[in-house]
Amino acid sequence: MGTETKRRSSGSIGESWGAALAVVALSASLAGCSSSPETTIVDDSGDERTISWSDYPAHANTDAQSILSAPRPEHAENREQRIFTEIETVLSEEYGFDWMTEGEPGWFEQEGNGYGGESYLMTYNSVGRMSDGVPTGPGAWRDVLTQIDEVLTDYGLEGLELHHASSSRPDEEQWRDELFEKYGTTDPDEYWQWAATSSNNSEWVSVTLTDVAKDPSGDAADVRADVNLPGQSVSISYGVTTVPADVEDDYRQALESFEGLPKPEPTTSD
């Protein structure tokens, strides 16, 4: 009902099972079996313990340790406001923008951990902040991203990565075709919209620059008008996945059982 792989370690017995691995047997679930993988640990004394990944306190797609560096829920919205204020101040001084709020903020408890169990984590998605214009001219959009990067760096975040420039696409030719279909050109400087994200796994800032005047078909202008969004704008949003302070100790304790273990692929879609 499952597959099993083995890995040997020459490490000595440590404080956690993860550091004391002599043999790791990972049993991944297949269709019709349990949705939760299990890892069996055998230490140098021959004692054996089987750990179910349904007890993993984070999520299969999240770096559990980075969560501990993320702002706690009681601090996240204040951090968001400080980031927004600094970005808006820099761009307004340079380009004379005014700003509006779009959407509603929200906190969401993660429904599962990707292995059929519960997660301790919560995710916050901010409002969107949107300018009433966007700079034009050669290199103007790159200048905007550089100015925003300087703010994000001060907050320990990484530089923005343009989505259309991502090198991680599984099918580059298909991706280029999709970009051409959307923008009608192969020149990114002629795209009517750029989207970029700064992410350190647990915290992220998204930036979108839009100028529908660069779309000769007129479709972009119609779509933006239909949803009552400006045709020219710089928009920013913030998000974070974190652990509430009142369960942080429980989270850390639960995480100890999984320290040093290779994390299986997720087996559920939550």
C-alpha atoms as a PDB file:
ATOM      1  CA  MET A   1       0.000   0.000   0.000  1.00  0.00           C
ATOM      2  CA  GLY A   2       2.990   2.350  -0.033  1.00  0.00           C
ATOM      3  CA  THR A   3       6.540   2.943  -1.123  1.00  0.00           C
ATOM      4  CA  GLU A   4       9.569   2.925   1.139  1.00  0.00           C
ATOM      5  CA  THR A   5      12.991   4.492   0.819  1.00  0.00           C
ATOM      6  CA  LYS A   6      15.897   4.336   3.269  1.00  0.00           C
ATOM      7  CA  ARG A   7      18.677   6.799   4.084  1.00  0.00           C
ATOM      8  CA  ARG A   8      21.589   6.135   6.454  1.00  0.00           C
ATOM      9  CA  SER A   9      23.233   8.740   8.651  1.00  0.00           C
ATOM     10  CA  SER A  10      26.552   8.600  10.479  1.00  0.00           C
ATOM     11  CA  GLY A  11      25.460  11.154  13.088  1.00  0.00           C
ATOM     12  CA  SER A  12      25.394  10.333  16.771  1.00  0.00           C
ATOM     13  CA  ILE A  13      22.372  10.443  19.020  1.00  0.00           C
ATOM     14  CA  GLY A  14      21.323  14.057  19.679  1.00  0.00           C
ATOM     15  CA  GLU A  15      18.631  15.868  21.580  1.00  0.00           C
ATOM     16  CA  SER A  16      15.995  15.400  18.874  1.00  0.00           C
ATOM     17  CA  TRP A  17      14.986  12.412  16.812  1.00  0.00           C
ATOM     18  CA  GLY A  18      15.830  14.411  13.665  1.00  0.00           C
ATOM     19  CA  ALA A  19      19.451  14.799  14.774  1.00  0.00           C
ATOM     20  CA  ALA A  20      19.687  11.164  15.854  1.00  0.00           C
ATOM     21  CA  LEU A  21      18.849   9.532  12.568  1.00  0.00           C
ATOM     22  CA  ALA A  22      20.464   6.217  11.803  1.00  0.00           C
ATOM     23  CA  VAL A  23      17.804   5.025   9.394  1.00  0.00           C
ATOM     24  CA  VAL A  24      14.881   6.932   7.961  1.00  0.00           C
ATOM     25  CA  ALA A  25      12.079   5.052   6.278  1.00  0.00           C
ATOM     26  CA  LEU A  26       9.522   7.249   4.564  1.00  0.00           C
ATOM     27  CA  SER A  27       6.230   5.628   3.640  1.00  0.00           C
ATOM     28  CA  ALA A  28       4.326   7.831   1.216  1.00  0.00           C
ATOM     29  CA  SER A  29       0.647   7.199   0.748  1.00  0.00           C
ATOM     30  CA  LEU A  30      -0.805   6.061  -2.561  1.00  0.00           C
ATOM     31  CA  ALA A  31      -4.364   6.122  -3.839  1.00  0.00           C
ATOM     32  CA  GLY A  32      -6.611   4.152  -1.530  1.00  0.00           C
ATOM     33  CA  CYS A  33      -4.160   4.338   1.394  1.00  0.00           C
ATOM     34  CA  SER A  34      -3.942   6.738   4.319  1.00  0.00           C
ATOM     35  CA  SER A  35      -3.537  10.350   3.189  1.00  0.00           C
ATOM     36  CA  SER A  36      -0.799  10.975   5.730  1.00  0.00           C
ATOM     37  CA  PRO A  37       2.811   9.853   5.139  1.00  0.00           C
ATOM     38  CA  GLU A  38       4.811   8.368   7.970  1.00  0.00           C
ATOM     39  CA  THR A  39       8.516   8.422   8.794  1.00  0.00           C
ATOM     40  CA  THR A  40      10.056   5.662  10.905  1.00  0.00           C
ATOM     41  CA  ILE A  41      13.191   6.577  12.850  1.00  0.00           C
ATOM     42  CA  VAL A  42      15.644   4.065  14.264  1.00  0.00           C
ATOM     43  CA  ASP A  43      18.387   5.449  16.511  1.00  0.00           C
ATOM     44  CA  ASP A  44      21.783   3.914  17.246  1.00  0.00           C
ATOM     45  CA  SER A  45      20.398   1.995  20.239  1.00  0.00           C
ATOM     46  CA  GLY A  46      17.814   0.308  18.047  1.00  0.00           C
ATOM     47  CA  ASP A  47      14.811   2.153  19.452  1.00  0.00           C
ATOM     48  CA  GLU A  48      12.196   2.792  16.792  1.00  0.00           C
ATOM     49  CA  ARG A  49       9.584   5.481  16.498  1.00  0.00           C
ATOM     50  CA  THR A  50       7.074   6.176  13.747  1.00  0.00           C
ATOM     51  CA  ILE A  51       6.039   9.770  13.149  1.00  0.00           C
ATOM     52  CA  SER A  52       2.872  10.660  11.290  1.00  0.00           C
ATOM     53  CA  TRP A  53       3.079  13.801   9.183  1.00  0.00           C
ATOM     54  CA  SER A  54      -0.548  14.497  10.021  1.00  0.00           C
ATOM     55  CA  ASP A  55       0.935  15.947  13.252  1.00  0.00           C
ATOM     56  CA  TYR A  56       3.168  18.400  11.375  1.00  0.00           C
ATOM     57  CA  PRO A  57       2.307  21.826  12.845  1.00  0.00           C
ATOM     58  CA  ALA A  58       3.096  23.962   9.781  1.00  0.00           C
ATOM     59  CA  HIS A  59       2.254  23.203   6.141  1.00  0.00           C
ATOM     60  CA  ALA A  60       3.869  21.007   3.506  1.00  0.00           C
ATOM     61  CA  ASN A  61       4.519  24.027   1.265  1.00  0.00           C
ATOM     62  CA  THR A  62       5.858  26.335   3.991  1.00  0.00           C
ATOM     63  CA  ASP A  63       9.304  26.663   5.533  1.00  0.00           C
ATOM     64  CA  ALA A  64       8.424  25.912   9.149  1.00  0.00           C
ATOM     65  CA  GLN A  65      11.462  27.745  10.529  1.00  0.00           C
ATOM     66  CA  SER A  66      10.811  30.922   8.529  1.00  0.00           C
ATOM     67  CA  ILE A  67       7.424  31.129  10.230  1.00  0.00           C
ATOM     68  CA  LEU A  68       9.211  31.770  13.522  1.00  0.00           C
ATOM     69  CA  SER A  69      10.835  34.882  12.014  1.00  0.00           C
ATOM     70  CA  ALA A  70       7.546  36.258  10.695  1.00  0.00           C
ATOM     71  CA  PRO A  71       5.676  38.972  12.595  1.00  0.00           C
ATOM     72  CA  ARG A  72       3.018  37.627  14.952  1.00  0.00           C
ATOM     73  CA  PRO A  73      -0.624  38.436  14.128  1.00  0.00           C
ATOM     74  CA  GLU A  74      -0.732  41.270  16.655  1.00  0.00           C
ATOM     75  CA  HIS A  75       2.183  42.985  14.862  1.00  0.00           C
ATOM     76  CA  ALA A  76       1.563  42.118  11.207  1.00  0.00           C
ATOM     77  CA  GLU A  77      -0.939  44.840  10.356  1.00  0.00           C
ATOM     78  CA  ASN A  78       1.251  47.535  11.915  1.00  0.00           C
ATOM     79  CA  ARG A  79       4.193  46.287   9.855  1.00  0.00           C
ATOM     80  CA  GLU A  80       2.033  46.341   6.731  1.00  0.00           C
ATOM     81  CA  GLN A  81       1.059  49.952   7.372  1.00  0.00           C
ATOM     82  CA  ARG A  82       4.670  51.028   7.861  1.00  0.00           C
ATOM     83  CA  ILE A  83       5.745  49.331   4.620  1.00  0.00           C
ATOM     84  CA  PHE A  84       2.855  50.876   2.699  1.00  0.00           C
ATOM     85  CA  THR A  85       3.479  54.334   4.127  1.00  0.00           C
ATOM     86  CA  GLU A  86       7.142  54.304   3.187  1.00  0.00           C
ATOM     87  CA  ILE A  87       6.512  53.058  -0.351  1.00  0.00           C
ATOM     88  CA  GLU A  88       3.711  55.547  -0.924  1.00  0.00           C
ATOM     89  CA  THR A  89       5.758  58.432   0.449  1.00  0.00           C
ATOM     90  CA  VAL A  90       8.717  57.650  -1.831  1.00  0.00           C
ATOM     91  CA  LEU A  91       6.577  57.308  -4.962  1.00  0.00           C
ATOM     92  CA  SER A  92       4.344  60.288  -4.173  1.00  0.00           C
ATOM     93  CA  GLU A  93       7.351  62.555  -3.681  1.00  0.00           C
ATOM     94  CA  GLU A  94       8.760  61.390  -7.006  1.00  0.00           C
ATOM     95  CA  TYR A  95       5.598  61.282  -9.119  1.00  0.00           C
ATOM     96  CA  GLY A  96       2.907  63.218  -7.249  1.00  0.00           C
ATOM     97  CA  PHE A  97       0.584  60.254  -6.735  1.00  0.00           C
ATOM     98  CA  ASP A  98      -2.504  60.112  -4.572  1.00  0.00           C
ATOM     99  CA  TRP A  99      -3.562  56.724  -3.202  1.00  0.00           C
ATOM    100  CA  MET A 100      -6.790  54.783  -2.704  1.00  0.00           C
ATOM    101  CA  THR A 101      -7.686  51.574  -0.878  1.00  0.00           C
ATOM    102  CA  GLU A 102      -9.114  48.603  -2.737  1.00  0.00           C
ATOM    103  CA  GLY A 103     -10.634  45.483  -1.157  1.00  0.00           C
ATOM    104  CA  GLU A 104     -10.781  44.339   2.462  1.00  0.00           C
ATOM    105  CA  PRO A 105      -8.087  42.857   4.729  1.00  0.00           C
ATOM    106  CA  GLY A 106      -8.568  39.437   6.264  1.00  0.00           C
ATOM    107  CA  TRP A 107      -7.093  36.791   8.547  1.00  0.00           C
ATOM    108  CA  PHE A 108      -7.584  33.148   7.599  1.00  0.00           C
ATOM    109  CA  GLU A 109      -6.826  30.048   9.614  1.00  0.00           C
ATOM    110  CA  GLN A 110      -5.144  27.401   7.500  1.00  0.00           C
ATOM    111  CA  GLU A 111      -7.540  24.490   7.174  1.00  0.00           C
ATOM    112  CA  GLY A 112      -4.881  21.800   7.004  1.00  0.00           C
ATOM    113  CA  ASN A 113      -1.180  21.018   6.887  1.00  0.00           C
ATOM    114  CA  GLY A 114      -1.059  19.291   3.500  1.00  0.00           C
ATOM    115  CA  TYR A 115      -0.818  15.842   5.106  1.00  0.00           C
ATOM    116  CA  GLY A 116      -4.358  15.317   6.350  1.00  0.00           C
ATOM    117  CA  GLY A 117      -3.799  17.022   9.693  1.00  0.00           C
ATOM    118  CA  GLU A 118      -4.362  20.449  11.221  1.00  0.00           C
ATOM    119  CA  SER A 119      -2.072  23.455  10.909  1.00  0.00           C
ATOM    120  CA  TYR A 120      -1.212  25.961  13.643  1.00  0.00           C
ATOM    121  CA  LEU A 121      -0.750  28.706  11.069  1.00  0.00           C
ATOM    122  CA  MET A 122      -2.751  31.753  10.038  1.00  0.00           C
ATOM    123  CA  THR A 123      -2.464  33.813   6.854  1.00  0.00           C
ATOM    124  CA  TYR A 124      -3.114  37.532   6.503  1.00  0.00           C
ATOM    125  CA  ASN A 125      -3.953  39.265   3.232  1.00  0.00           C
ATOM    126  CA  SER A 126      -3.959  43.058   3.299  1.00  0.00           C
ATOM    127  CA  VAL A 127      -6.022  45.576   1.412  1.00  0.00           C
ATOM    128  CA  GLY A 128      -4.636  46.783  -1.878  1.00  0.00           C
ATOM    129  CA  ARG A 129      -3.214  50.290  -2.072  1.00  0.00           C
ATOM    130  CA  MET A 130      -3.464  51.829  -5.521  1.00  0.00           C
ATOM    131  CA  SER A 131      -2.070  55.044  -6.976  1.00  0.00           C
ATOM    132  CA  ASP A 132      -3.942  57.314  -9.371  1.00  0.00           C
ATOM    133  CA  GLY A 133      -1.227  57.088 -12.014  1.00  0.00           C
ATOM    134  CA  VAL A 134       1.870  55.322 -13.257  1.00  0.00           C
ATOM    135  CA  PRO A 135       5.129  56.793 -14.567  1.00  0.00           C
ATOM    136  CA  THR A 136       5.853  56.607 -18.280  1.00  0.00           C
ATOM    137  CA  GLY A 137       8.981  56.705 -20.361  1.00  0.00           C
ATOM    138  CA  PRO A 138      11.988  54.427 -20.952  1.00  0.00           C
ATOM    139  CA  GLY A 139      13.077  52.686 -17.781  1.00  0.00           C
ATOM    140  CA  ALA A 140      10.379  54.340 -15.639  1.00  0.00           C
ATOM    141  CA  TRP A 141       8.829  51.094 -14.433  1.00  0.00           C
ATOM    142  CA  ARG A 142      12.202  49.636 -13.523  1.00  0.00           C
ATOM    143  CA  ASP A 143      12.917  52.795 -11.545  1.00  0.00           C
ATOM    144  CA  VAL A 144       9.685  52.279  -9.590  1.00  0.00           C
ATOM    145  CA  LEU A 145      10.612  48.698  -8.724  1.00  0.00           C
ATOM    146  CA  THR A 146      14.084  49.807  -7.654  1.00  0.00           C
ATOM    147  CA  GLN A 147      12.617  52.454  -5.351  1.00  0.00           C
ATOM    148  CA  ILE A 148      10.275  49.898  -3.801  1.00  0.00           C
ATOM    149  CA  ASP A 149      13.129  47.396  -3.429  1.00  0.00           C
ATOM    150  CA  GLU A 150      15.052  49.912  -1.341  1.00  0.00           C
ATOM    151  CA  VAL A 151      12.143  50.086   1.110  1.00  0.00           C
ATOM    152  CA  LEU A 152      11.675  46.314   1.231  1.00  0.00           C
ATOM    153  CA  THR A 153      15.371  45.741   1.883  1.00  0.00           C
ATOM    154  CA  ASP A 154      15.132  47.919   4.979  1.00  0.00           C
ATOM    155  CA  TYR A 155      12.458  45.526   6.255  1.00  0.00           C
ATOM    156  CA  GLY A 156      14.533  42.424   5.586  1.00  0.00           C
ATOM    157  CA  LEU A 157      12.556  41.420   2.494  1.00  0.00           C
ATOM    158  CA  GLU A 158      14.040  40.301  -0.799  1.00  0.00           C
ATOM    159  CA  GLY A 159      14.009  42.252  -4.034  1.00  0.00           C
ATOM    160  CA  LEU A 160      10.970  42.086  -6.290  1.00  0.00           C
ATOM    161  CA  GLU A 161      10.932  39.348  -8.944  1.00  0.00           C
ATOM    162  CA  LEU A 162       8.999  40.075 -12.124  1.00  0.00           C
ATOM    163  CA  HIS A 163       6.557  37.283 -12.899  1.00  0.00           C
ATOM    164  CA  HIS A 164       7.193  37.431 -16.640  1.00  0.00           C
ATOM    165  CA  ALA A 165      10.940  37.073 -16.011  1.00  0.00           C
ATOM    166  CA  SER A 166      10.668  33.995 -13.791  1.00  0.00           C
ATOM    167  CA  SER A 167      13.103  31.250 -14.765  1.00  0.00           C
ATOM    168  CA  SER A 168      11.171  28.518 -12.952  1.00  0.00           C
ATOM    169  CA  ARG A 169       8.452  27.954 -15.545  1.00  0.00           C
ATOM    170  CA  PRO A 170       8.119  24.256 -16.452  1.00  0.00           C
ATOM    171  CA  ASP A 171       7.358  25.051 -20.116  1.00  0.00           C
ATOM    172  CA  GLU A 172       9.145  28.203 -21.261  1.00  0.00           C
ATOM    173  CA  GLU A 173       7.762  28.075 -24.809  1.00  0.00           C
ATOM    174  CA  GLN A 174       4.164  27.780 -23.587  1.00  0.00           C
ATOM    175  CA  TRP A 175       4.804  30.590 -21.103  1.00  0.00           C
ATOM    176  CA  ARG A 176       6.111  32.881 -23.858  1.00  0.00           C
ATOM    177  CA  ASP A 177       3.051  32.066 -25.970  1.00  0.00           C
ATOM    178  CA  GLU A 178       0.737  32.965 -23.092  1.00  0.00           C
ATOM    179  CA  LEU A 179       2.544  36.269 -22.556  1.00  0.00           C
ATOM    180  CA  PHE A 180       2.280  37.110 -26.263  1.00  0.00           C
ATOM    181  CA  GLU A 181      -1.427  36.284 -26.273  1.00  0.00           C
ATOM    182  CA  LYS A 182      -2.024  38.559 -23.281  1.00  0.00           C
ATOM    183  CA  TYR A 183       0.170  41.496 -24.302  1.00  0.00           C
ATOM    184  CA  GLY A 184       0.438  41.222 -28.093  1.00  0.00           C
ATOM    185  CA  THR A 185       4.220  41.655 -28.009  1.00  0.00           C
ATOM    186  CA  THR A 186       7.377  39.819 -27.033  1.00  0.00           C
ATOM    187  CA  ASP A 187       8.988  42.981 -25.616  1.00  0.00           C
ATOM    188  CA  PRO A 188       8.414  43.251 -21.850  1.00  0.00           C
ATOM    189  CA  ASP A 189       8.965  47.017 -22.027  1.00  0.00           C
ATOM    190  CA  GLU A 190       5.815  47.175 -24.165  1.00  0.00           C
ATOM    191  CA  TYR A 191       3.645  45.108 -21.817  1.00  0.00           C
ATOM    192  CA  TRP A 192       0.681  47.034 -20.446  1.00  0.00           C
ATOM    193  CA  GLN A 193       1.111  45.412 -17.052  1.00  0.00           C
ATOM    194  CA  TRP A 194       3.966  44.181 -14.887  1.00  0.00           C
ATOM    195  CA  ALA A 195       3.470  42.051 -11.774  1.00  0.00           C
ATOM    196  CA  ALA A 196       6.246  41.385  -9.276  1.00  0.00           C
ATOM    197  CA  THR A 197       6.543  39.770  -5.859  1.00  0.00           C
ATOM    198  CA  SER A 198       9.017  39.926  -2.996  1.00  0.00           C
ATOM    199  CA  SER A 199       8.811  36.822  -0.830  1.00  0.00           C
ATOM    200  CA  ASN A 200      10.805  35.214   1.976  1.00  0.00           C
ATOM    201  CA  ASN A 201       8.443  32.222   2.150  1.00  0.00           C
ATOM    202  CA  SER A 202       6.397  33.411   5.116  1.00  0.00           C
ATOM    203  CA  GLU A 203       5.979  37.095   4.183  1.00  0.00           C
ATOM    204  CA  TRP A 204       5.444  38.776   0.834  1.00  0.00           C
ATOM    205  CA  VAL A 205       4.741  42.061  -0.929  1.00  0.00           C
ATOM    206  CA  SER A 206       3.139  42.153  -4.376  1.00  0.00           C
ATOM    207  CA  VAL A 207       3.412  45.073  -6.783  1.00  0.00           C
ATOM    208  CA  THR A 208       1.514  45.597 -10.048  1.00  0.00           C
ATOM    209  CA  LEU A 209       2.123  48.409 -12.531  1.00  0.00           C
ATOM    210  CA  THR A 210      -0.621  49.008 -15.087  1.00  0.00           C
ATOM    211  CA  ASP A 211      -1.026  51.302 -18.098  1.00  0.00           C
ATOM    212  CA  VAL A 212      -3.909  50.306 -20.356  1.00  0.00           C
ATOM    213  CA  ALA A 213      -2.811  52.924 -22.917  1.00  0.00           C
ATOM    214  CA  LYS A 214      -0.068  50.450 -23.857  1.00  0.00           C
ATOM    215  CA  ASP A 215      -2.660  47.865 -24.954  1.00  0.00           C
ATOM    216  CA  PRO A 216      -3.567  48.624 -28.602  1.00  0.00           C
ATOM    217  CA  SER A 217      -6.507  46.199 -28.526  1.00  0.00           C
ATOM    218  CA  GLY A 218      -8.360  48.245 -25.888  1.00  0.00           C
ATOM    219  CA  ASP A 219      -9.323  45.069 -24.040  1.00  0.00           C
ATOM    220  CA  ALA A 220      -7.328  45.963 -20.926  1.00  0.00           C
ATOM    221  CA  ALA A 221      -9.075  49.320 -20.651  1.00  0.00           C
ATOM    222  CA  ASP A 222     -12.487  47.656 -20.907  1.00  0.00           C
ATOM    223  CA  VAL A 223     -11.660  45.062 -18.257  1.00  0.00           C
ATOM    224  CA  ARG A 224     -10.347  47.655 -15.817  1.00  0.00           C
ATOM    225  CA  ALA A 225     -13.374  49.883 -16.387  1.00  0.00           C
ATOM    226  CA  ASP A 226     -15.750  46.960 -15.787  1.00  0.00           C
ATOM    227  CA  VAL A 227     -14.300  46.427 -12.284  1.00  0.00           C
ATOM    228  CA  ASN A 228     -13.976  50.155 -11.577  1.00  0.00           C
ATOM    229  CA  LEU A 229     -10.176  50.213 -11.424  1.00  0.00           C
ATOM    230  CA  PRO A 230      -7.998  52.993 -12.806  1.00  0.00           C
ATOM    231  CA  GLY A 231      -6.352  52.409 -16.165  1.00  0.00           C
ATOM    232  CA  GLN A 232      -3.001  53.687 -14.910  1.00  0.00           C
ATOM    233  CA  SER A 233      -1.813  52.703 -11.448  1.00  0.00           C
ATOM    234  CA  VAL A 234       0.810  51.261  -9.151  1.00  0.00           C
ATOM    235  CA  SER A 235      -0.782  48.799  -6.711  1.00  0.00           C
ATOM    236  CA  ILE A 236       0.780  47.168  -3.682  1.00  0.00           C
ATOM    237  CA  SER A 237      -0.398  44.482  -1.286  1.00  0.00           C
ATOM    238  CA  TYR A 238       1.060  42.609   1.662  1.00  0.00           C
ATOM    239  CA  GLY A 239       0.636  39.168   3.144  1.00  0.00           C
ATOM    240  CA  VAL A 240       2.111  36.943   5.803  1.00  0.00           C
ATOM    241  CA  THR A 241       1.715  33.423   7.129  1.00  0.00           C
ATOM    242  CA  THR A 242       2.506  33.233  10.821  1.00  0.00           C
ATOM    243  CA  VAL A 243       1.768  31.464  14.083  1.00  0.00           C
ATOM    244  CA  PRO A 244      -0.313  33.117  16.827  1.00  0.00           C
ATOM    245  CA  ALA A 245       1.678  34.033  19.919  1.00  0.00           C
ATOM    246  CA  ASP A 246      -0.608  32.015  22.224  1.00  0.00           C
ATOM    247  CA  VAL A 247       0.235  28.738  20.443  1.00  0.00           C
ATOM    248  CA  GLU A 248       3.858  29.487  19.556  1.00  0.00           C
ATOM    249  CA  ASP A 249       5.231  27.279  22.345  1.00  0.00           C
ATOM    250  CA  ASP A 250       3.022  24.386  21.225  1.00  0.00           C
ATOM    251  CA  TYR A 251       4.139  24.968  17.628  1.00  0.00           C
ATOM    252  CA  ARG A 252       7.815  24.854  18.567  1.00  0.00           C
ATOM    253  CA  GLN A 253       7.330  21.700  20.639  1.00  0.00           C
ATOM    254  CA  ALA A 254       5.408  19.917  17.867  1.00  0.00           C
ATOM    255  CA  LEU A 255       8.052  20.930  15.326  1.00  0.00           C
ATOM    256  CA  GLU A 256      10.848  19.243  17.308  1.00  0.00           C
ATOM    257  CA  SER A 257       9.658  15.782  16.256  1.00  0.00           C
ATOM    258  CA  PHE A 258      10.220  16.665  12.595  1.00  0.00           C
ATOM    259  CA  GLU A 259      13.600  18.386  12.935  1.00  0.00           C
ATOM    260  CA  GLY A 260      16.054  17.137  10.305  1.00  0.00           C
ATOM    261  CA  LEU A 261      13.551  14.888   8.535  1.00  0.00           C
ATOM    262  CA  PRO A 262      13.089  15.099   4.748  1.00  0.00           C
ATOM    263  CA  LYS A 263       9.651  16.605   4.165  1.00  0.00           C
ATOM    264  CA  PRO A 264       7.350  14.512   1.953  1.00  0.00           C
ATOM    265  CA  GLU A 265       5.357  15.990  -0.896  1.00  0.00           C
ATOM    266  CA  PRO A 266       1.869  17.117   0.190  1.00  0.00           C
ATOM    267  CA  THR A 267      -0.814  14.462   0.004  1.00  0.00           C
ATOM    268  CA  THR A 268      -3.880  16.689   0.407  1.00  0.00           C
ATOM    269  CA  SER A 269      -4.833  19.947  -1.300  1.00  0.00           C
ATOM    270  CA  ASP A 270      -5.635  22.016   1.816  1.00  0.00           C
END
